Amino acid sequence: MVIPAYNEEAALDGVLRRCMDTLTQCAEDFDITIVNDASDDGTGAIIEDWRRRFPELIRVVHHSIRQGMASTFEDAYRSGRKEYVILLHGDGQYPPEMISDCIRALPFSDVVLMTRRRKFYGPYRHALSWGYRRIPSLFFGIDLRDPGCSKCLRRDLIESIPIISTSVFAEAERVIRAARDGRRITFIEIESVPRVSGIAQGGGMLHALHAFGDMLRFWWSLRVMRNYGKNNAIKNQ
């Protein structure tokens, strides 16, 4: 399990406690890596306390300078050492108990995507969330349902699939590439809860524009490569 965290002192201790309880019950071999994106509250102290108590299970990556959501997520994915990597946000919105549902789906899945039955957003974030789902569906023909939610991936998929996006669209790009490669994708609905504290980082206008730019760049790269392959096939006939 990998957990990205930025200023989550109000929620992180409870998230880690529930993760440990659930993983102990349903997994024979696991560890937890927490990536602290230069938090300036008590998040770092909470993480270090957990590492001291469980040195064989808890691994920590501390960013000395804040790197943002997309980079922190990538660091979290790359830190996973087991066959499967489960990403869980550190803000307490997504129930750690979902881990047991993920594990039951692993024998027939390469990717397990959580989808929230309800999102606790205002009008602007609901519109943004609609765009994050519908526009990629239009461009790539794949409905990711809730690409920003927690998910579980095979580690070999993380290592073998190249990602060109540098924004939060990297979450969608990885799954789109997996689907195009014929990987097995399973969706599991979950009940999320409102954020305990802190501020959501993915809804700013600059984040949205960056993600849209990455989506266009990704779509263009797929289109160019497809046309390049067709042209080569014609030349070789």
Protein backbone atom coordinates (compact mmCIF):
# COMPACT_ATOMS: atom_id res chain seq x y z
CA MET A 1 0.00 0.00 0.00
CA VAL A 2 1.25 3.48 -0.88
CA ILE A 3 -0.16 6.65 0.66
CA PRO A 4 0.59 10.15 -0.66
CA ALA A 5 0.08 12.80 2.01
CA TYR A 6 0.22 16.57 2.23
CA ASN A 7 -0.88 18.32 5.44
CA GLU A 8 -3.09 15.44 6.60
CA GLU A 9 -2.39 15.50 10.35
CA ALA A 10 -6.12 15.41 11.19
CA ALA A 11 -6.78 12.22 9.22
CA LEU A 12 -3.54 10.29 8.68
CA ASP A 13 -3.23 8.54 12.05
CA GLY A 14 -6.73 7.10 11.73
CA VAL A 15 -6.12 6.11 8.09
CA LEU A 16 -2.94 4.23 9.02
CA ARG A 17 -4.60 2.48 11.96
CA ARG A 18 -7.44 1.25 9.76
CA CYS A 19 -5.00 0.21 7.02
CA MET A 20 -2.97 -1.88 9.45
CA ASP A 21 -6.09 -3.52 10.89
CA THR A 22 -7.48 -4.38 7.44
CA LEU A 23 -4.20 -5.53 5.88
CA THR A 24 -3.39 -7.73 8.85
CA GLN A 25 -6.70 -9.52 8.39
CA CYS A 26 -6.67 -10.02 4.61
CA ALA A 27 -3.05 -10.01 3.39
CA GLU A 28 -0.23 -12.40 4.21
CA ASP A 29 2.58 -10.17 2.92
CA PHE A 30 2.37 -6.38 2.81
CA ASP A 31 4.08 -3.11 3.59
CA ILE A 32 3.00 0.53 3.61
CA THR A 33 4.94 3.40 2.06
CA ILE A 34 3.95 6.98 2.92
CA VAL A 35 5.13 9.79 0.65
CA ASN A 36 5.11 13.07 2.53
CA ASP A 37 5.05 15.99 0.09
CA ALA A 38 6.86 18.52 2.33
CA SER A 39 3.92 18.92 4.73
CA ASP A 40 4.24 21.90 7.05
CA ASP A 41 1.87 20.66 9.77
CA GLY A 42 2.16 17.60 12.03
CA THR A 43 1.98 15.06 9.20
CA GLY A 44 5.72 14.33 9.26
CA ALA A 45 5.71 13.67 13.02
CA ILE A 46 2.80 11.25 12.69
CA ILE A 47 4.57 9.38 9.90
CA GLU A 48 7.82 9.08 11.87
CA ASP A 49 5.94 7.81 14.92
CA TRP A 50 4.41 5.03 12.81
CA ARG A 51 7.79 4.19 11.31
CA ARG A 52 9.34 3.85 14.77
CA ARG A 53 6.52 1.57 15.93
CA PHE A 54 6.50 -0.64 12.81
CA PRO A 55 9.95 -0.39 11.17
CA GLU A 56 9.50 -3.68 9.32
CA LEU A 57 6.20 -2.60 7.74
CA ILE A 58 6.30 1.19 7.34
CA ARG A 59 8.53 2.89 4.77
CA VAL A 60 8.69 6.67 4.34
CA VAL A 61 9.65 9.07 1.56
CA HIS A 62 9.95 12.72 2.61
CA HIS A 63 10.06 15.46 -0.01
CA SER A 64 12.22 18.36 1.19
CA ILE A 65 10.44 20.67 -1.27
CA ARG A 66 6.80 20.35 -2.23
CA GLN A 67 6.48 18.63 -5.61
CA GLY A 68 2.71 18.56 -6.12
CA MET A 69 0.10 15.87 -6.46
CA ALA A 70 1.13 14.26 -9.75
CA SER A 71 4.81 13.90 -8.82
CA THR A 72 3.94 12.63 -5.34
CA PHE A 73 1.59 10.01 -6.78
CA GLU A 74 4.33 8.83 -9.16
CA ASP A 75 6.83 8.56 -6.30
CA ALA A 76 4.25 6.57 -4.36
CA TYR A 77 3.65 4.15 -7.24
CA ARG A 78 7.38 3.64 -7.84
CA SER A 79 8.01 2.94 -4.15
CA GLY A 80 5.81 -0.18 -4.15
CA ARG A 81 7.79 -3.42 -3.84
CA LYS A 82 5.13 -6.12 -3.83
CA GLU A 83 3.36 -7.75 -6.77
CA TYR A 84 0.39 -5.39 -6.42
CA VAL A 85 0.37 -1.71 -5.42
CA ILE A 86 -2.69 -0.17 -3.79
CA LEU A 87 -2.81 3.63 -3.75
CA LEU A 88 -4.87 5.17 -0.96
CA HIS A 89 -5.18 8.91 -0.36
CA GLY A 90 -4.10 10.05 3.09
CA ASP A 91 -7.00 12.46 3.63
CA GLY A 92 -9.47 9.92 5.03
CA GLN A 93 -12.05 10.25 2.24
CA TYR A 94 -11.65 6.68 1.00
CA PRO A 95 -12.24 3.78 3.41
CA PRO A 96 -9.16 1.59 3.98
CA GLU A 97 -11.55 -1.33 4.45
CA MET A 98 -11.94 -1.38 0.67
CA ILE A 99 -8.59 -3.18 0.61
CA SER A 100 -10.34 -6.49 1.25
CA ASP A 101 -12.55 -5.97 -1.84
CA CYS A 102 -9.43 -5.14 -3.90
CA ILE A 103 -7.67 -8.30 -2.81
CA ARG A 104 -10.65 -10.47 -3.70
CA ALA A 105 -10.58 -9.00 -7.24
CA LEU A 106 -6.85 -9.50 -7.83
CA PRO A 107 -6.93 -13.05 -9.28
CA PHE A 108 -8.86 -11.77 -12.32
CA SER A 109 -7.63 -8.14 -12.49
CA ASP A 110 -4.57 -6.17 -13.54
CA VAL A 111 -6.18 -2.91 -12.43
CA VAL A 112 -8.85 -2.39 -9.77
CA LEU A 113 -10.45 1.06 -9.84
CA MET A 114 -12.50 2.43 -6.98
CA THR A 115 -15.53 4.49 -7.95
CA ARG A 116 -17.29 6.73 -5.46
CA ARG A 117 -21.05 6.46 -5.16
CA ARG A 118 -21.13 10.04 -3.92
CA LYS A 119 -18.67 12.92 -4.24
CA PHE A 120 -18.74 15.70 -1.68
CA TYR A 121 -18.10 18.52 -4.14
CA GLY A 122 -19.47 21.95 -4.81
CA PRO A 123 -20.83 22.91 -8.25
CA TYR A 124 -17.42 23.82 -9.69
CA ARG A 125 -15.75 20.56 -8.60
CA HIS A 126 -18.74 18.53 -9.84
CA ALA A 127 -18.38 20.19 -13.26
CA LEU A 128 -14.64 19.52 -13.25
CA SER A 129 -15.20 15.90 -12.22
CA TRP A 130 -17.72 15.48 -15.04
CA GLY A 131 -15.13 16.77 -17.50
CA TYR A 132 -12.41 14.48 -16.14
CA ARG A 133 -14.70 11.54 -16.87
CA ARG A 134 -16.55 12.52 -20.05
CA ILE A 135 -13.82 14.17 -22.11
CA PRO A 136 -11.39 11.20 -21.90
CA SER A 137 -14.32 8.93 -22.72
CA LEU A 138 -14.95 10.99 -25.86
CA PHE A 139 -11.28 11.16 -26.88
CA PHE A 140 -10.24 7.59 -26.07
CA GLY A 141 -13.48 5.58 -25.97
CA ILE A 142 -12.83 4.39 -22.41
CA ASP A 143 -15.03 5.30 -19.44
CA LEU A 144 -12.74 5.45 -16.41
CA ARG A 145 -15.69 6.44 -14.18
CA ASP A 146 -13.58 7.95 -11.36
CA PRO A 147 -9.90 8.11 -12.38
CA GLY A 148 -8.85 10.24 -9.40
CA CYS A 149 -10.06 7.74 -6.81
CA SER A 150 -7.97 5.08 -5.08
CA LYS A 151 -6.85 2.11 -7.16
CA CYS A 152 -4.81 -1.08 -7.23
CA LEU A 153 -2.34 -1.93 -10.01
CA ARG A 154 0.00 -4.78 -10.82
CA ARG A 155 3.54 -3.54 -10.20
CA ASP A 156 4.74 -4.83 -13.58
CA LEU A 157 2.12 -2.61 -15.22
CA ILE A 158 3.51 0.45 -13.40
CA GLU A 159 7.04 -0.43 -14.48
CA SER A 160 6.26 -1.31 -18.10
CA ILE A 161 3.83 1.42 -19.17
CA PRO A 162 5.46 4.76 -20.09
CA ILE A 163 3.64 7.90 -18.93
CA ILE A 164 4.08 11.25 -20.69
CA SER A 165 1.63 13.30 -18.58
CA THR A 166 3.06 15.44 -15.79
CA SER A 167 -0.30 16.53 -14.35
CA VAL A 168 -3.03 14.64 -12.52
CA PHE A 169 -4.07 13.29 -15.95
CA ALA A 170 -1.25 10.77 -15.47
CA GLU A 171 -3.76 8.79 -13.38
CA ALA A 172 -6.09 8.51 -16.37
CA GLU A 173 -3.30 8.00 -18.91
CA ARG A 174 -1.92 4.94 -17.11
CA VAL A 175 -5.32 3.24 -17.04
CA ILE A 176 -6.11 4.17 -20.66
CA ARG A 177 -2.80 2.67 -21.78
CA ALA A 178 -3.50 -0.44 -19.69
CA ALA A 179 -6.93 -0.84 -21.31
CA ARG A 180 -5.47 -0.39 -24.80
CA ASP A 181 -2.92 -3.09 -23.95
CA GLY A 182 -5.72 -5.49 -23.10
CA ARG A 183 -5.20 -5.44 -19.34
CA ARG A 184 -8.09 -6.62 -17.19
CA ILE A 185 -9.84 -3.77 -15.36
CA THR A 186 -12.31 -4.20 -12.50
CA PHE A 187 -14.48 -1.45 -11.00
CA ILE A 188 -15.57 -1.51 -7.34
CA GLU A 189 -18.02 1.01 -5.90
CA ILE A 190 -17.17 2.50 -2.51
CA GLU A 191 -18.77 4.85 -0.02
CA SER A 192 -16.51 7.89 0.46
CA VAL A 193 -16.79 10.45 3.26
CA PRO A 194 -16.13 14.21 3.37
CA ARG A 195 -12.55 15.36 3.87
CA VAL A 196 -11.69 15.69 7.57
CA SER A 197 -9.53 18.78 7.09
CA GLY A 198 -7.11 20.37 4.67
CA ILE A 199 -7.75 21.59 1.15
CA ALA A 200 -8.21 19.45 -1.94
CA GLN A 201 -5.27 20.03 -4.29
CA GLY A 202 -6.61 18.79 -7.63
CA GLY A 203 -9.38 21.27 -8.36
CA GLY A 204 -7.53 24.50 -9.10
CA MET A 205 -7.85 26.10 -12.53
CA LEU A 206 -4.13 25.70 -13.25
CA HIS A 207 -4.33 22.00 -12.37
CA ALA A 208 -7.34 21.61 -14.67
CA LEU A 209 -5.62 23.40 -17.58
CA HIS A 210 -2.45 21.36 -17.11
CA ALA A 211 -4.48 18.14 -17.11
CA PHE A 212 -6.38 19.17 -20.25
CA GLY A 213 -3.11 20.01 -22.00
CA ASP A 214 -1.69 16.61 -21.06
CA MET A 215 -4.82 14.90 -22.35
CA LEU A 216 -4.51 16.62 -25.73
CA ARG A 217 -0.80 15.78 -25.91
CA PHE A 218 -1.51 12.14 -25.07
CA TRP A 219 -4.34 11.94 -27.63
CA TRP A 220 -2.09 13.49 -30.28
CA SER A 221 0.74 11.07 -29.54
CA LEU A 222 -1.62 8.11 -29.94
CA ARG A 223 -3.03 9.51 -33.18
CA VAL A 224 0.41 10.17 -34.68
CA MET A 225 1.69 6.73 -33.70
CA ARG A 226 -1.43 5.08 -35.16
CA ASN A 227 -1.02 6.93 -38.45
CA TYR A 228 2.70 6.17 -38.47
CA GLY A 229 1.95 2.47 -38.07
CA LYS A 230 -0.61 2.54 -40.87
CA ASN A 231 1.77 4.33 -43.22
CA ASN A 232 4.53 1.83 -42.54
CA ALA A 233 2.13 -1.05 -43.16
CA ILE A 234 1.16 0.43 -46.54
CA LYS A 235 4.81 0.94 -47.52
CA ASN A 236 5.65 -2.65 -46.64
CA GLN A 237 2.85 -4.14 -48.73
